[in-house]
Amino acid sequence: HVDAGADLVEADRSDAARFQRTVVEVTRALCRESGRETGIGVVCLSGGVFQNNWLADTLLRDLASDGFEVHINERVPVNDGGISYGQAAVAAARLGGRSGPV
């Protein structure tokens, strides 16, 4: 039955929306708690989950409204490509003679 399929698709969308909203609210709660305990007011968002534009945009906006200075990758990918870039930068620095923090 075609209508039953449409109902399942709508249920999946609704479940996904609830899940994403939960990720946002839990992240905000953790940041607020950490901010209170440490006094740190800067949040850096990175990782493949932030390839989801809705999630990234919502957290950028909501954390900023909570008073945080929020950063997200702009020139380097937020996913594993960013990790690879960082590893390459460290290797290049070490090959160039730098042994301390990069």
C-alpha atoms as a PDB file:
ATOM      1  CA  HIS A   1       0.000   0.000   0.000  1.00  0.00           C
ATOM      2  CA  VAL A   2       1.523   3.315  -1.108  1.00  0.00           C
ATOM      3  CA  ASP A   3       0.215   5.362   1.828  1.00  0.00           C
ATOM      4  CA  ALA A   4       1.829   2.979   4.323  1.00  0.00           C
ATOM      5  CA  GLY A   5       5.206   3.601   2.663  1.00  0.00           C
ATOM      6  CA  ALA A   6       4.715   7.353   2.891  1.00  0.00           C
ATOM      7  CA  ASP A   7       3.862   7.015   6.581  1.00  0.00           C
ATOM      8  CA  LEU A   8       7.105   5.092   7.183  1.00  0.00           C
ATOM      9  CA  VAL A   9       9.147   7.744   5.389  1.00  0.00           C
ATOM     10  CA  GLU A  10       7.529  10.482   7.494  1.00  0.00           C
ATOM     11  CA  ALA A  11       8.167   8.487  10.682  1.00  0.00           C
ATOM     12  CA  ASP A  12      11.830   8.082   9.698  1.00  0.00           C
ATOM     13  CA  ARG A  13      12.124  11.840   9.113  1.00  0.00           C
ATOM     14  CA  SER A  14      10.503  12.557  12.438  1.00  0.00           C
ATOM     15  CA  ASP A  15      12.831  10.134  14.251  1.00  0.00           C
ATOM     16  CA  ALA A  16      15.859  11.670  12.538  1.00  0.00           C
ATOM     17  CA  ALA A  17      14.750  15.186  13.466  1.00  0.00           C
ATOM     18  CA  ARG A  18      14.268  14.175  17.118  1.00  0.00           C
ATOM     19  CA  PHE A  19      17.674  12.495  17.157  1.00  0.00           C
ATOM     20  CA  GLN A  20      19.412  15.558  15.706  1.00  0.00           C
ATOM     21  CA  ARG A  21      17.619  17.899  18.113  1.00  0.00           C
ATOM     22  CA  THR A  22      18.764  15.629  20.971  1.00  0.00           C
ATOM     23  CA  VAL A  23      22.379  15.820  19.760  1.00  0.00           C
ATOM     24  CA  VAL A  24      22.110  19.627  19.777  1.00  0.00           C
ATOM     25  CA  GLU A  25      20.576  19.826  23.251  1.00  0.00           C
ATOM     26  CA  VAL A  26      23.028  17.345  24.810  1.00  0.00           C
ATOM     27  CA  THR A  27      25.977  19.159  23.227  1.00  0.00           C
ATOM     28  CA  ARG A  28      24.707  22.505  24.526  1.00  0.00           C
ATOM     29  CA  ALA A  29      24.204  21.082  28.018  1.00  0.00           C
ATOM     30  CA  LEU A  30      27.721  19.601  28.071  1.00  0.00           C
ATOM     31  CA  CYS A  31      29.249  22.863  26.841  1.00  0.00           C
ATOM     32  CA  ARG A  32      27.353  24.932  29.429  1.00  0.00           C
ATOM     33  CA  GLU A  33      28.396  22.576  32.232  1.00  0.00           C
ATOM     34  CA  SER A  34      32.029  22.536  31.084  1.00  0.00           C
ATOM     35  CA  GLY A  35      31.991  26.306  30.697  1.00  0.00           C
ATOM     36  CA  ARG A  36      30.707  26.786  34.237  1.00  0.00           C
ATOM     37  CA  GLU A  37      33.288  24.389  35.677  1.00  0.00           C
ATOM     38  CA  THR A  38      36.301  25.682  33.735  1.00  0.00           C
ATOM     39  CA  GLY A  39      35.466  29.254  32.792  1.00  0.00           C
ATOM     40  CA  ILE A  40      36.271  28.419  29.175  1.00  0.00           C
ATOM     41  CA  GLY A  41      33.928  30.157  26.766  1.00  0.00           C
ATOM     42  CA  VAL A  42      35.315  28.911  23.450  1.00  0.00           C
ATOM     43  CA  VAL A  43      33.895  25.883  21.623  1.00  0.00           C
ATOM     44  CA  CYS A  44      35.463  24.288  18.532  1.00  0.00           C
ATOM     45  CA  LEU A  45      33.217  21.992  16.509  1.00  0.00           C
ATOM     46  CA  SER A  46      34.908  19.365  14.367  1.00  0.00           C
ATOM     47  CA  GLY A  47      34.305  15.826  13.190  1.00  0.00           C
ATOM     48  CA  GLY A  48      32.374  14.139  10.435  1.00  0.00           C
ATOM     49  CA  VAL A  49      29.039  14.729  12.181  1.00  0.00           C
ATOM     50  CA  PHE A  50      29.386  18.404  11.275  1.00  0.00           C
ATOM     51  CA  GLN A  51      29.111  17.577   7.584  1.00  0.00           C
ATOM     52  CA  ASN A  52      25.412  17.675   8.459  1.00  0.00           C
ATOM     53  CA  ASN A  53      24.689  21.327   7.670  1.00  0.00           C
ATOM     54  CA  TRP A  54      21.574  21.518   9.848  1.00  0.00           C
ATOM     55  CA  LEU A  55      23.439  20.183  12.863  1.00  0.00           C
ATOM     56  CA  ALA A  56      26.453  22.447  12.319  1.00  0.00           C
ATOM     57  CA  ASP A  57      24.392  25.584  11.666  1.00  0.00           C
ATOM     58  CA  THR A  58      22.068  24.935  14.594  1.00  0.00           C
ATOM     59  CA  LEU A  59      24.896  24.348  17.063  1.00  0.00           C
ATOM     60  CA  LEU A  60      26.833  27.374  15.795  1.00  0.00           C
ATOM     61  CA  ARG A  61      23.768  29.559  16.341  1.00  0.00           C
ATOM     62  CA  ASP A  62      22.599  28.023  19.622  1.00  0.00           C
ATOM     63  CA  LEU A  63      26.020  27.897  21.294  1.00  0.00           C
ATOM     64  CA  ALA A  64      26.650  31.498  20.269  1.00  0.00           C
ATOM     65  CA  SER A  65      23.309  32.465  21.809  1.00  0.00           C
ATOM     66  CA  ASP A  66      24.473  30.664  24.979  1.00  0.00           C
ATOM     67  CA  GLY A  67      27.411  33.086  25.064  1.00  0.00           C
ATOM     68  CA  PHE A  68      30.130  30.892  23.596  1.00  0.00           C
ATOM     69  CA  GLU A  69      32.678  31.905  20.995  1.00  0.00           C
ATOM     70  CA  VAL A  70      32.146  29.096  18.467  1.00  0.00           C
ATOM     71  CA  HIS A  71      34.518  27.931  15.745  1.00  0.00           C
ATOM     72  CA  ILE A  72      34.171  25.342  12.986  1.00  0.00           C
ATOM     73  CA  ASN A  73      36.510  24.264  10.215  1.00  0.00           C
ATOM     74  CA  GLU A  74      36.396  26.506   7.168  1.00  0.00           C
ATOM     75  CA  ARG A  75      39.479  25.655   5.111  1.00  0.00           C
ATOM     76  CA  VAL A  76      40.119  22.090   6.252  1.00  0.00           C
ATOM     77  CA  PRO A  77      37.431  19.385   6.140  1.00  0.00           C
ATOM     78  CA  VAL A  78      35.638  18.636   9.406  1.00  0.00           C
ATOM     79  CA  ASN A  79      35.866  14.897   8.769  1.00  0.00           C
ATOM     80  CA  ASP A  80      38.820  12.501   8.537  1.00  0.00           C
ATOM     81  CA  GLY A  81      40.316  14.679   5.794  1.00  0.00           C
ATOM     82  CA  GLY A  82      41.050  17.257   8.491  1.00  0.00           C
ATOM     83  CA  ILE A  83      42.759  14.648  10.658  1.00  0.00           C
ATOM     84  CA  SER A  84      44.884  13.575   7.684  1.00  0.00           C
ATOM     85  CA  TYR A  85      45.795  17.194   7.009  1.00  0.00           C
ATOM     86  CA  GLY A  86      46.868  17.659  10.625  1.00  0.00           C
ATOM     87  CA  GLN A  87      48.932  14.478  10.577  1.00  0.00           C
ATOM     88  CA  ALA A  88      50.649  15.630   7.387  1.00  0.00           C
ATOM     89  CA  ALA A  89      51.382  19.041   8.944  1.00  0.00           C
ATOM     90  CA  VAL A  90      52.948  17.423  12.018  1.00  0.00           C
ATOM     91  CA  ALA A  91      55.030  15.070   9.867  1.00  0.00           C
ATOM     92  CA  ALA A  92      56.219  17.950   7.672  1.00  0.00           C
ATOM     93  CA  ALA A  93      57.179  19.993  10.732  1.00  0.00           C
ATOM     94  CA  ARG A  94      59.092  17.101  12.244  1.00  0.00           C
ATOM     95  CA  LEU A  95      60.867  16.351   8.988  1.00  0.00           C
ATOM     96  CA  GLY A  96      61.786  20.023   8.864  1.00  0.00           C
ATOM     97  CA  GLY A  97      63.521  19.758  12.221  1.00  0.00           C
ATOM     98  CA  ARG A  98      60.802  20.935  14.607  1.00  0.00           C
ATOM     99  CA  SER A  99      60.348  18.552  17.508  1.00  0.00           C
ATOM    100  CA  GLY A 100      58.089  20.573  19.807  1.00  0.00           C
ATOM    101  CA  PRO A 101      54.377  21.224  19.502  1.00  0.00           C
ATOM    102  CA  VAL A 102      53.230  22.035  16.002  1.00  0.00           C
END
